[in-house]
């Protein structure tokens, strides 16, 4: 859970006065974050949990209306019984 690599890369790559957005659910502790970059570049950091309940129904409606094709981002299909193994593969970055 404690993987600050992407956040560090983002802080290094953002332009001055940029906005760093961290949406979703993030759990863990972040060490070795170059916070001096945030100050030196006058970056704004925004965060918050993803608004799943707000967007779930409209997105599902668009899928049912064939306006969005989610198959482009689906890499695996698993049964519910296979979910624990799927989470383990994801965590270990095996596939």
PDB file of N, CA and C in Angstrom:
ATOM      1  N   UNK A   1       0.810  -1.191   0.000  1.00  0.00           N
ATOM      2  CA  UNK A   1       0.000   0.000   0.000  1.00  0.00           C
ATOM      3  C   UNK A   1       0.860   1.264   0.000  1.00  0.00           C
ATOM      4  N   UNK A   2       2.021   1.205   0.590  1.00  0.00           N
ATOM      5  CA  UNK A   2       2.845   2.406   0.726  1.00  0.00           C
ATOM      6  C   UNK A   2       3.805   2.523  -0.458  1.00  0.00           C
ATOM      7  N   UNK A   3       3.286   2.984  -1.592  1.00  0.00           N
ATOM      8  CA  UNK A   3       4.110   3.097  -2.792  1.00  0.00           C
ATOM      9  C   UNK A   3       4.067   4.528  -3.309  1.00  0.00           C
ATOM     10  N   UNK A   4       4.967   5.361  -2.834  1.00  0.00           N
ATOM     11  CA  UNK A   4       4.942   6.771  -3.211  1.00  0.00           C
ATOM     12  C   UNK A   4       5.651   7.076  -4.531  1.00  0.00           C
ATOM     13  N   UNK A   5       6.101   6.058  -5.260  1.00  0.00           N
ATOM     14  CA  UNK A   5       6.897   6.272  -6.472  1.00  0.00           C
ATOM     15  C   UNK A   5       6.196   7.167  -7.484  1.00  0.00           C
ATOM     16  N   UNK A   6       4.954   6.881  -7.788  1.00  0.00           N
ATOM     17  CA  UNK A   6       4.229   7.652  -8.804  1.00  0.00           C
ATOM     18  C   UNK A   6       4.034   9.097  -8.351  1.00  0.00           C
ATOM     19  N   UNK A   7       3.718   9.279  -7.080  1.00  0.00           N
ATOM     20  CA  UNK A   7       3.548  10.639  -6.575  1.00  0.00           C
ATOM     21  C   UNK A   7       4.861  11.418  -6.672  1.00  0.00           C
ATOM     22  N   UNK A   8       5.972  10.784  -6.332  1.00  0.00           N
ATOM     23  CA  UNK A   8       7.278  11.452  -6.469  1.00  0.00           C
ATOM     24  C   UNK A   8       7.541  11.833  -7.923  1.00  0.00           C
ATOM     25  N   UNK A   9       7.268  10.910  -8.853  1.00  0.00           N
ATOM     26  CA  UNK A   9       7.467  11.201 -10.274  1.00  0.00           C
ATOM     27  C   UNK A   9       6.577  12.345 -10.727  1.00  0.00           C
ATOM     28  N   UNK A  10       5.339  12.374 -10.265  1.00  0.00           N
ATOM     29  CA  UNK A  10       4.420  13.452 -10.637  1.00  0.00           C
ATOM     30  C   UNK A  10       4.934  14.791 -10.138  1.00  0.00           C
ATOM     31  N   UNK A  11       5.395  14.835  -8.895  1.00  0.00           N
ATOM     32  CA  UNK A  11       5.891  16.099  -8.346  1.00  0.00           C
ATOM     33  C   UNK A  11       7.081  16.618  -9.141  1.00  0.00           C
ATOM     34  N   UNK A  12       7.932  15.721  -9.601  1.00  0.00           N
ATOM     35  CA  UNK A  12       9.086  16.127 -10.399  1.00  0.00           C
ATOM     36  C   UNK A  12       8.681  16.611 -11.793  1.00  0.00           C
ATOM     37  N   UNK A  13       7.609  16.061 -12.343  1.00  0.00           N
ATOM     38  CA  UNK A  13       7.260  16.366 -13.732  1.00  0.00           C
ATOM     39  C   UNK A  13       6.268  17.513 -13.901  1.00  0.00           C
ATOM     40  N   UNK A  14       5.594  17.921 -12.844  1.00  0.00           N
ATOM     41  CA  UNK A  14       4.608  18.993 -12.969  1.00  0.00           C
ATOM     42  C   UNK A  14       5.281  20.346 -13.186  1.00  0.00           C
ATOM     43  N   UNK A  15       4.613  21.204 -13.928  1.00  0.00           N
ATOM     44  CA  UNK A  15       5.106  22.562 -14.144  1.00  0.00           C
ATOM     45  C   UNK A  15       4.843  23.405 -12.910  1.00  0.00           C
ATOM     46  N   UNK A  16       5.488  24.562 -12.848  1.00  0.00           N
ATOM     47  CA  UNK A  16       5.244  25.473 -11.738  1.00  0.00           C
ATOM     48  C   UNK A  16       3.777  25.890 -11.741  1.00  0.00           C
ATOM     49  N   UNK A  17       3.222  26.070 -10.565  1.00  0.00           N
ATOM     50  CA  UNK A  17       1.809  26.419 -10.360  1.00  0.00           C
ATOM     51  C   UNK A  17       0.852  25.333 -10.832  1.00  0.00           C
ATOM     52  N   UNK A  18       1.345  24.106 -10.999  1.00  0.00           N
ATOM     53  CA  UNK A  18       0.502  22.997 -11.438  1.00  0.00           C
ATOM     54  C   UNK A  18      -0.362  22.473 -10.296  1.00  0.00           C
ATOM     55  N   UNK A  19      -1.294  21.615 -10.673  1.00  0.00           N
ATOM     56  CA  UNK A  19      -2.202  21.006  -9.696  1.00  0.00           C
ATOM     57  C   UNK A  19      -1.989  19.496  -9.727  1.00  0.00           C
ATOM     58  N   UNK A  20      -1.609  18.940  -8.605  1.00  0.00           N
ATOM     59  CA  UNK A  20      -1.435  17.498  -8.454  1.00  0.00           C
ATOM     60  C   UNK A  20      -2.719  16.958  -7.843  1.00  0.00           C
ATOM     61  N   UNK A  21      -3.373  16.058  -8.550  1.00  0.00           N
ATOM     62  CA  UNK A  21      -4.632  15.503  -8.070  1.00  0.00           C
ATOM     63  C   UNK A  21      -4.434  14.032  -7.738  1.00  0.00           C
ATOM     64  N   UNK A  22      -4.857  13.636  -6.552  1.00  0.00           N
ATOM     65  CA  UNK A  22      -4.734  12.250  -6.109  1.00  0.00           C
ATOM     66  C   UNK A  22      -6.128  11.725  -5.800  1.00  0.00           C
ATOM     67  N   UNK A  23      -6.854  11.265  -6.845  1.00  0.00           N
ATOM     68  CA  UNK A  23      -8.208  10.759  -6.601  1.00  0.00           C
ATOM     69  C   UNK A  23      -8.178   9.282  -6.221  1.00  0.00           C
ATOM     70  N   UNK A  24      -9.257   8.810  -5.665  1.00  0.00           N
ATOM     71  CA  UNK A  24      -9.374   7.398  -5.367  1.00  0.00           C
ATOM     72  C   UNK A  24      -9.234   7.120  -3.893  1.00  0.00           C
ATOM     73  N   UNK A  25      -8.891   5.903  -3.598  1.00  0.00           N
ATOM     74  CA  UNK A  25      -8.708   5.493  -2.218  1.00  0.00           C
ATOM     75  C   UNK A  25      -7.236   5.186  -2.042  1.00  0.00           C
ATOM     76  N   UNK A  26      -6.579   5.932  -1.205  1.00  0.00           N
ATOM     77  CA  UNK A  26      -5.167   5.689  -0.953  1.00  0.00           C
ATOM     78  C   UNK A  26      -4.997   5.412   0.525  1.00  0.00           C
ATOM     79  N   UNK A  27      -4.378   4.306   0.818  1.00  0.00           N
ATOM     80  CA  UNK A  27      -4.137   3.957   2.216  1.00  0.00           C
ATOM     81  C   UNK A  27      -2.648   3.731   2.397  1.00  0.00           C
ATOM     82  N   UNK A  28      -2.136   4.162   3.471  1.00  0.00           N
ATOM     83  CA  UNK A  28      -0.733   3.922   3.750  1.00  0.00           C
ATOM     84  C   UNK A  28      -0.013   5.191   4.122  1.00  0.00           C
ATOM     85  N   UNK A  29       1.266   5.044   4.358  1.00  0.00           N
ATOM     86  CA  UNK A  29       2.112   6.159   4.744  1.00  0.00           C
ATOM     87  C   UNK A  29       3.086   6.458   3.624  1.00  0.00           C
ATOM     88  N   UNK A  30       3.324   7.726   3.377  1.00  0.00           N
ATOM     89  CA  UNK A  30       4.241   8.136   2.326  1.00  0.00           C
ATOM     90  C   UNK A  30       5.512   8.703   2.949  1.00  0.00           C
ATOM     91  N   UNK A  31       6.618   8.066   2.661  1.00  0.00           N
ATOM     92  CA  UNK A  31       7.919   8.552   3.105  1.00  0.00           C
ATOM     93  C   UNK A  31       8.715   8.987   1.881  1.00  0.00           C
ATOM     94  N   UNK A  32       9.681   9.827   2.126  1.00  0.00           N
ATOM     95  CA  UNK A  32      10.595  10.285   1.074  1.00  0.00           C
ATOM     96  C   UNK A  32       9.892  11.039  -0.045  1.00  0.00           C
ATOM     97  N   UNK A  33       8.903  11.832   0.302  1.00  0.00           N
ATOM     98  CA  UNK A  33       8.234  12.689  -0.674  1.00  0.00           C
ATOM     99  C   UNK A  33       9.007  14.010  -0.704  1.00  0.00           C
ATOM    100  N   UNK A  34       9.419  14.453  -1.897  1.00  0.00           N
ATOM    101  CA  UNK A  34      10.185  15.697  -2.002  1.00  0.00           C
ATOM    102  C   UNK A  34       9.284  16.920  -1.832  1.00  0.00           C
ATOM    103  N   UNK A  35       8.886  17.186  -0.599  1.00  0.00           N
ATOM    104  CA  UNK A  35       7.931  18.258  -0.355  1.00  0.00           C
ATOM    105  C   UNK A  35       8.511  19.626  -0.686  1.00  0.00           C
ATOM    106  N   UNK A  36       9.833  19.738  -0.686  1.00  0.00           N
ATOM    107  CA  UNK A  36      10.455  20.989  -1.103  1.00  0.00           C
ATOM    108  C   UNK A  36      10.079  21.353  -2.527  1.00  0.00           C
ATOM    109  N   UNK A  37       9.877  20.341  -3.382  1.00  0.00           N
ATOM    110  CA  UNK A  37       9.434  20.591  -4.761  1.00  0.00           C
ATOM    111  C   UNK A  37       8.053  21.220  -4.787  1.00  0.00           C
ATOM    112  N   UNK A  38       7.182  20.762  -3.902  1.00  0.00           N
ATOM    113  CA  UNK A  38       5.825  21.311  -3.835  1.00  0.00           C
ATOM    114  C   UNK A  38       5.901  22.807  -3.542  1.00  0.00           C
ATOM    115  N   UNK A  39       6.748  23.170  -2.592  1.00  0.00           N
ATOM    116  CA  UNK A  39       6.886  24.570  -2.215  1.00  0.00           C
ATOM    117  C   UNK A  39       7.591  25.357  -3.312  1.00  0.00           C
ATOM    118  N   UNK A  40       8.706  24.821  -3.826  1.00  0.00           N
ATOM    119  CA  UNK A  40       9.491  25.535  -4.839  1.00  0.00           C
ATOM    120  C   UNK A  40       8.696  25.766  -6.125  1.00  0.00           C
ATOM    121  N   UNK A  41       7.850  24.804  -6.499  1.00  0.00           N
ATOM    122  CA  UNK A  41       7.059  24.927  -7.721  1.00  0.00           C
ATOM    123  C   UNK A  41       5.685  25.532  -7.471  1.00  0.00           C
ATOM    124  N   UNK A  42       5.373  25.841  -6.221  1.00  0.00           N
ATOM    125  CA  UNK A  42       4.061  26.381  -5.848  1.00  0.00           C
ATOM    126  C   UNK A  42       2.936  25.466  -6.345  1.00  0.00           C
ATOM    127  N   UNK A  43       3.111  24.174  -6.114  1.00  0.00           N
ATOM    128  CA  UNK A  43       2.113  23.204  -6.552  1.00  0.00           C
ATOM    129  C   UNK A  43       0.916  23.181  -5.609  1.00  0.00           C
ATOM    130  N   UNK A  44      -0.237  22.892  -6.177  1.00  0.00           N
ATOM    131  CA  UNK A  44      -1.449  22.680  -5.396  1.00  0.00           C
ATOM    132  C   UNK A  44      -1.704  21.183  -5.377  1.00  0.00           C
ATOM    133  N   UNK A  45      -1.968  20.635  -4.203  1.00  0.00           N
ATOM    134  CA  UNK A  45      -2.275  19.213  -4.096  1.00  0.00           C
ATOM    135  C   UNK A  45      -3.731  19.075  -3.700  1.00  0.00           C
ATOM    136  N   UNK A  46      -4.462  18.311  -4.504  1.00  0.00           N
ATOM    137  CA  UNK A  46      -5.877  18.047  -4.228  1.00  0.00           C
ATOM    138  C   UNK A  46      -6.054  16.544  -4.099  1.00  0.00           C
ATOM    139  N   UNK A  47      -6.937  16.160  -3.223  1.00  0.00           N
ATOM    140  CA  UNK A  47      -7.183  14.735  -3.059  1.00  0.00           C
ATOM    141  C   UNK A  47      -8.619  14.509  -2.610  1.00  0.00           C
ATOM    142  N   UNK A  48      -9.021  13.276  -2.658  1.00  0.00           N
ATOM    143  CA  UNK A  48     -10.351  12.913  -2.198  1.00  0.00           C
ATOM    144  C   UNK A  48     -10.719  11.549  -2.716  1.00  0.00           C
ATOM    145  N   UNK A  49     -11.671  10.948  -2.065  1.00  0.00           N
ATOM    146  CA  UNK A  49     -12.118   9.648  -2.526  1.00  0.00           C
ATOM    147  C   UNK A  49     -12.936   9.804  -3.793  1.00  0.00           C
ATOM    148  N   UNK A  50     -12.862   8.804  -4.635  1.00  0.00           N
ATOM    149  CA  UNK A  50     -13.616   8.801  -5.873  1.00  0.00           C
ATOM    150  C   UNK A  50     -15.117   8.752  -5.550  1.00  0.00           C
ATOM    151  N   UNK A  51     -15.897   9.516  -6.264  1.00  0.00           N
ATOM    152  CA  UNK A  51     -17.338   9.606  -6.030  1.00  0.00           C
ATOM    153  C   UNK A  51     -18.063   8.469  -6.757  1.00  0.00           C
ATOM    154  N   UNK A  52     -17.862   7.257  -6.260  1.00  0.00           N
ATOM    155  CA  UNK A  52     -18.418   6.080  -6.926  1.00  0.00           C
ATOM    156  C   UNK A  52     -19.934   6.159  -7.022  1.00  0.00           C
ATOM    157  N   UNK A  53     -20.601   6.465  -5.930  1.00  0.00           N
ATOM    158  CA  UNK A  53     -22.063   6.482  -5.941  1.00  0.00           C
ATOM    159  C   UNK A  53     -22.607   7.549  -6.892  1.00  0.00           C
ATOM    160  N   UNK A  54     -21.868   8.629  -7.036  1.00  0.00           N
ATOM    161  CA  UNK A  54     -22.322   9.712  -7.916  1.00  0.00           C
ATOM    162  C   UNK A  54     -22.257   9.316  -9.391  1.00  0.00           C
ATOM    163  N   UNK A  55     -21.228   8.574  -9.776  1.00  0.00           N
ATOM    164  CA  UNK A  55     -20.987   8.294 -11.191  1.00  0.00           C
ATOM    165  C   UNK A  55     -21.352   6.883 -11.633  1.00  0.00           C
ATOM    166  N   UNK A  56     -21.600   5.970 -10.706  1.00  0.00           N
ATOM    167  CA  UNK A  56     -21.836   4.584 -11.078  1.00  0.00           C
ATOM    168  C   UNK A  56     -23.031   4.412 -12.016  1.00  0.00           C
ATOM    169  N   UNK A  57     -24.193   4.930 -11.646  1.00  0.00           N
ATOM    170  CA  UNK A  57     -25.387   4.754 -12.484  1.00  0.00           C
ATOM    171  C   UNK A  57     -25.238   5.421 -13.855  1.00  0.00           C
ATOM    172  N   UNK A  58     -24.783   6.686 -13.936  1.00  0.00           N
ATOM    173  CA  UNK A  58     -24.618   7.279 -15.271  1.00  0.00           C
ATOM    174  C   UNK A  58     -23.628   6.511 -16.154  1.00  0.00           C
ATOM    175  N   UNK A  59     -22.558   5.993 -15.549  1.00  0.00           N
ATOM    176  CA  UNK A  59     -21.594   5.228 -16.343  1.00  0.00           C
ATOM    177  C   UNK A  59     -22.175   3.900 -16.803  1.00  0.00           C
ATOM    178  N   UNK A  60     -22.882   3.208 -15.906  1.00  0.00           N
ATOM    179  CA  UNK A  60     -23.514   1.953 -16.308  1.00  0.00           C
ATOM    180  C   UNK A  60     -24.551   2.184 -17.404  1.00  0.00           C
ATOM    181  N   UNK A  61     -25.306   3.273 -17.320  1.00  0.00           N
ATOM    182  CA  UNK A  61     -26.278   3.603 -18.367  1.00  0.00           C
ATOM    183  C   UNK A  61     -25.580   3.795 -19.714  1.00  0.00           C
ATOM    184  N   UNK A  62     -24.453   4.484 -19.712  1.00  0.00           N
ATOM    185  CA  UNK A  62     -23.719   4.703 -20.968  1.00  0.00           C
ATOM    186  C   UNK A  62     -23.188   3.396 -21.544  1.00  0.00           C
ATOM    187  N   UNK A  63     -22.801   2.469 -20.682  1.00  0.00           N
ATOM    188  CA  UNK A  63     -22.352   1.154 -21.142  1.00  0.00           C
ATOM    189  C   UNK A  63     -23.517   0.410 -21.773  1.00  0.00           C
ATOM    190  N   UNK A  64     -24.669   0.423 -21.107  1.00  0.00           N
ATOM    191  CA  UNK A  64     -25.851  -0.271 -21.637  1.00  0.00           C
ATOM    192  C   UNK A  64     -26.334   0.348 -22.942  1.00  0.00           C
ATOM    193  N   UNK A  65     -26.113   1.642 -23.129  1.00  0.00           N
ATOM    194  CA  UNK A  65     -26.509   2.332 -24.366  1.00  0.00           C
ATOM    195  C   UNK A  65     -25.424   2.240 -25.442  1.00  0.00           C
ATOM    196  N   UNK A  66     -24.367   1.472 -25.170  1.00  0.00           N
ATOM    197  CA  UNK A  66     -23.232   1.302 -26.093  1.00  0.00           C
ATOM    198  C   UNK A  66     -22.529   2.616 -26.427  1.00  0.00           C
ATOM    199  N   UNK A  67     -22.556   3.561 -25.498  1.00  0.00           N
ATOM    200  CA  UNK A  67     -21.837   4.819 -25.685  1.00  0.00           C
ATOM    201  C   UNK A  67     -20.415   4.719 -25.128  1.00  0.00           C
ATOM    202  N   UNK A  68     -20.204   3.764 -24.239  1.00  0.00           N
ATOM    203  CA  UNK A  68     -18.880   3.487 -23.673  1.00  0.00           C
ATOM    204  C   UNK A  68     -18.619   2.000 -23.814  1.00  0.00           C
ATOM    205  N   UNK A  69     -17.424   1.649 -24.264  1.00  0.00           N
ATOM    206  CA  UNK A  69     -17.034   0.250 -24.383  1.00  0.00           C
ATOM    207  C   UNK A  69     -15.952  -0.051 -23.348  1.00  0.00           C
ATOM    208  N   UNK A  70     -16.307  -0.656 -22.223  1.00  0.00           N
ATOM    209  CA  UNK A  70     -15.323  -0.899 -21.172  1.00  0.00           C
ATOM    210  C   UNK A  70     -14.324  -2.003 -21.503  1.00  0.00           C
ATOM    211  N   UNK A  71     -14.538  -2.738 -22.585  1.00  0.00           N
ATOM    212  CA  UNK A  71     -13.629  -3.842 -22.911  1.00  0.00           C
ATOM    213  C   UNK A  71     -12.207  -3.348 -23.191  1.00  0.00           C
ATOM    214  N   UNK A  72     -12.059  -2.069 -23.510  1.00  0.00           N
ATOM    215  CA  UNK A  72     -10.723  -1.530 -23.778  1.00  0.00           C
ATOM    216  C   UNK A  72      -9.865  -1.471 -22.524  1.00  0.00           C
ATOM    217  N   UNK A  73     -10.479  -1.443 -21.359  1.00  0.00           N
ATOM    218  CA  UNK A  73      -9.698  -1.347 -20.121  1.00  0.00           C
ATOM    219  C   UNK A  73      -9.809  -2.599 -19.257  1.00  0.00           C
ATOM    220  N   UNK A  74     -10.542  -3.602 -19.697  1.00  0.00           N
ATOM    221  CA  UNK A  74     -10.688  -4.845 -18.939  1.00  0.00           C
ATOM    222  C   UNK A  74      -9.612  -5.812 -19.397  1.00  0.00           C
ATOM    223  N   UNK A  75      -8.752  -6.202 -18.473  1.00  0.00           N
ATOM    224  CA  UNK A  75      -7.662  -7.112 -18.835  1.00  0.00           C
ATOM    225  C   UNK A  75      -7.947  -8.551 -18.419  1.00  0.00           C
ATOM    226  N   UNK A  76      -8.786  -8.757 -17.411  1.00  0.00           N
ATOM    227  CA  UNK A  76      -9.066 -10.096 -16.915  1.00  0.00           C
ATOM    228  C   UNK A  76     -10.547 -10.228 -16.577  1.00  0.00           C
ATOM    229  N   UNK A  77     -11.051 -11.421 -16.714  1.00  0.00           N
ATOM    230  CA  UNK A  77     -12.412 -11.722 -16.278  1.00  0.00           C
ATOM    231  C   UNK A  77     -12.313 -12.886 -15.305  1.00  0.00           C
ATOM    232  N   UNK A  78     -12.866 -12.683 -14.112  1.00  0.00           N
ATOM    233  CA  UNK A  78     -12.770 -13.684 -13.057  1.00  0.00           C
ATOM    234  C   UNK A  78     -14.135 -13.938 -12.451  1.00  0.00           C
ATOM    235  N   UNK A  79     -14.292 -15.134 -11.943  1.00  0.00           N
ATOM    236  CA  UNK A  79     -15.493 -15.412 -11.161  1.00  0.00           C
ATOM    237  C   UNK A  79     -15.275 -14.826  -9.769  1.00  0.00           C
ATOM    238  N   UNK A  80     -16.344 -14.723  -9.014  1.00  0.00           N
ATOM    239  CA  UNK A  80     -16.227 -14.211  -7.653  1.00  0.00           C
ATOM    240  C   UNK A  80     -15.300 -15.096  -6.819  1.00  0.00           C
ATOM    241  N   UNK A  81     -15.363 -16.400  -7.053  1.00  0.00           N
ATOM    242  CA  UNK A  81     -14.499 -17.331  -6.314  1.00  0.00           C
ATOM    243  C   UNK A  81     -13.014 -17.110  -6.649  1.00  0.00           C
ATOM    244  N   UNK A  82     -12.728 -16.599  -7.841  1.00  0.00           N
ATOM    245  CA  UNK A  82     -11.342 -16.350  -8.256  1.00  0.00           C
ATOM    246  C   UNK A  82     -10.824 -14.981  -7.815  1.00  0.00           C
ATOM    247  N   UNK A  83     -11.685 -14.161  -7.234  1.00  0.00           N
ATOM    248  CA  UNK A  83     -11.304 -12.792  -6.864  1.00  0.00           C
ATOM    249  C   UNK A  83     -10.099 -12.722  -5.927  1.00  0.00           C
ATOM    250  N   UNK A  84     -10.023 -13.536  -4.872  1.00  0.00           N
ATOM    251  CA  UNK A  84      -8.839 -13.443  -4.009  1.00  0.00           C
ATOM    252  C   UNK A  84      -7.533 -13.685  -4.762  1.00  0.00           C
ATOM    253  N   UNK A  85      -7.524 -14.656  -5.661  1.00  0.00           N
ATOM    254  CA  UNK A  85      -6.323 -14.920  -6.460  1.00  0.00           C
ATOM    255  C   UNK A  85      -6.044 -13.753  -7.407  1.00  0.00           C
ATOM    256  N   UNK A  86      -7.108 -13.139  -7.918  1.00  0.00           N
ATOM    257  CA  UNK A  86      -6.940 -11.978  -8.794  1.00  0.00           C
ATOM    258  C   UNK A  86      -6.322 -10.803  -8.057  1.00  0.00           C
ATOM    259  N   UNK A  87      -6.792 -10.551  -6.834  1.00  0.00           N
ATOM    260  CA  UNK A  87      -6.205  -9.477  -6.026  1.00  0.00           C
ATOM    261  C   UNK A  87      -4.741  -9.766  -5.732  1.00  0.00           C
ATOM    262  N   UNK A  88      -4.425 -11.026  -5.458  1.00  0.00           N
ATOM    263  CA  UNK A  88      -3.036 -11.399  -5.171  1.00  0.00           C
ATOM    264  C   UNK A  88      -2.144 -11.158  -6.396  1.00  0.00           C
ATOM    265  N   UNK A  89      -2.614 -11.541  -7.588  1.00  0.00           N
ATOM    266  CA  UNK A  89      -1.855 -11.289  -8.819  1.00  0.00           C
ATOM    267  C   UNK A  89      -1.633  -9.794  -9.026  1.00  0.00           C
ATOM    268  N   UNK A  90      -2.683  -9.017  -8.789  1.00  0.00           N
ATOM    269  CA  UNK A  90      -2.590  -7.572  -8.951  1.00  0.00           C
ATOM    270  C   UNK A  90      -1.570  -6.995  -7.975  1.00  0.00           C
ATOM    271  N   UNK A  91      -1.643  -7.420  -6.727  1.00  0.00           N
ATOM    272  CA  UNK A  91      -0.735  -6.909  -5.712  1.00  0.00           C
ATOM    273  C   UNK A  91       0.716  -7.253  -6.022  1.00  0.00           C
ATOM    274  N   UNK A  92       0.932  -8.467  -6.522  1.00  0.00           N
ATOM    275  CA  UNK A  92       2.300  -8.917  -6.836  1.00  0.00           C
ATOM    276  C   UNK A  92       2.739  -8.502  -8.233  1.00  0.00           C
ATOM    277  N   UNK A  93       1.827  -7.867  -8.979  1.00  0.00           N
ATOM    278  CA  UNK A  93       2.105  -7.433 -10.355  1.00  0.00           C
ATOM    279  C   UNK A  93       2.606  -8.585 -11.214  1.00  0.00           C
ATOM    280  N   UNK A  94       1.929  -9.731 -11.082  1.00  0.00           N
ATOM    281  CA  UNK A  94       2.340 -10.939 -11.785  1.00  0.00           C
ATOM    282  C   UNK A  94       1.861 -10.983 -13.229  1.00  0.00           C
ATOM    283  N   UNK A  95       0.738 -10.370 -13.514  1.00  0.00           N
ATOM    284  CA  UNK A  95       0.174 -10.521 -14.867  1.00  0.00           C
ATOM    285  C   UNK A  95      -0.371  -9.183 -15.329  1.00  0.00           C
TER     286      UNK A  95
END
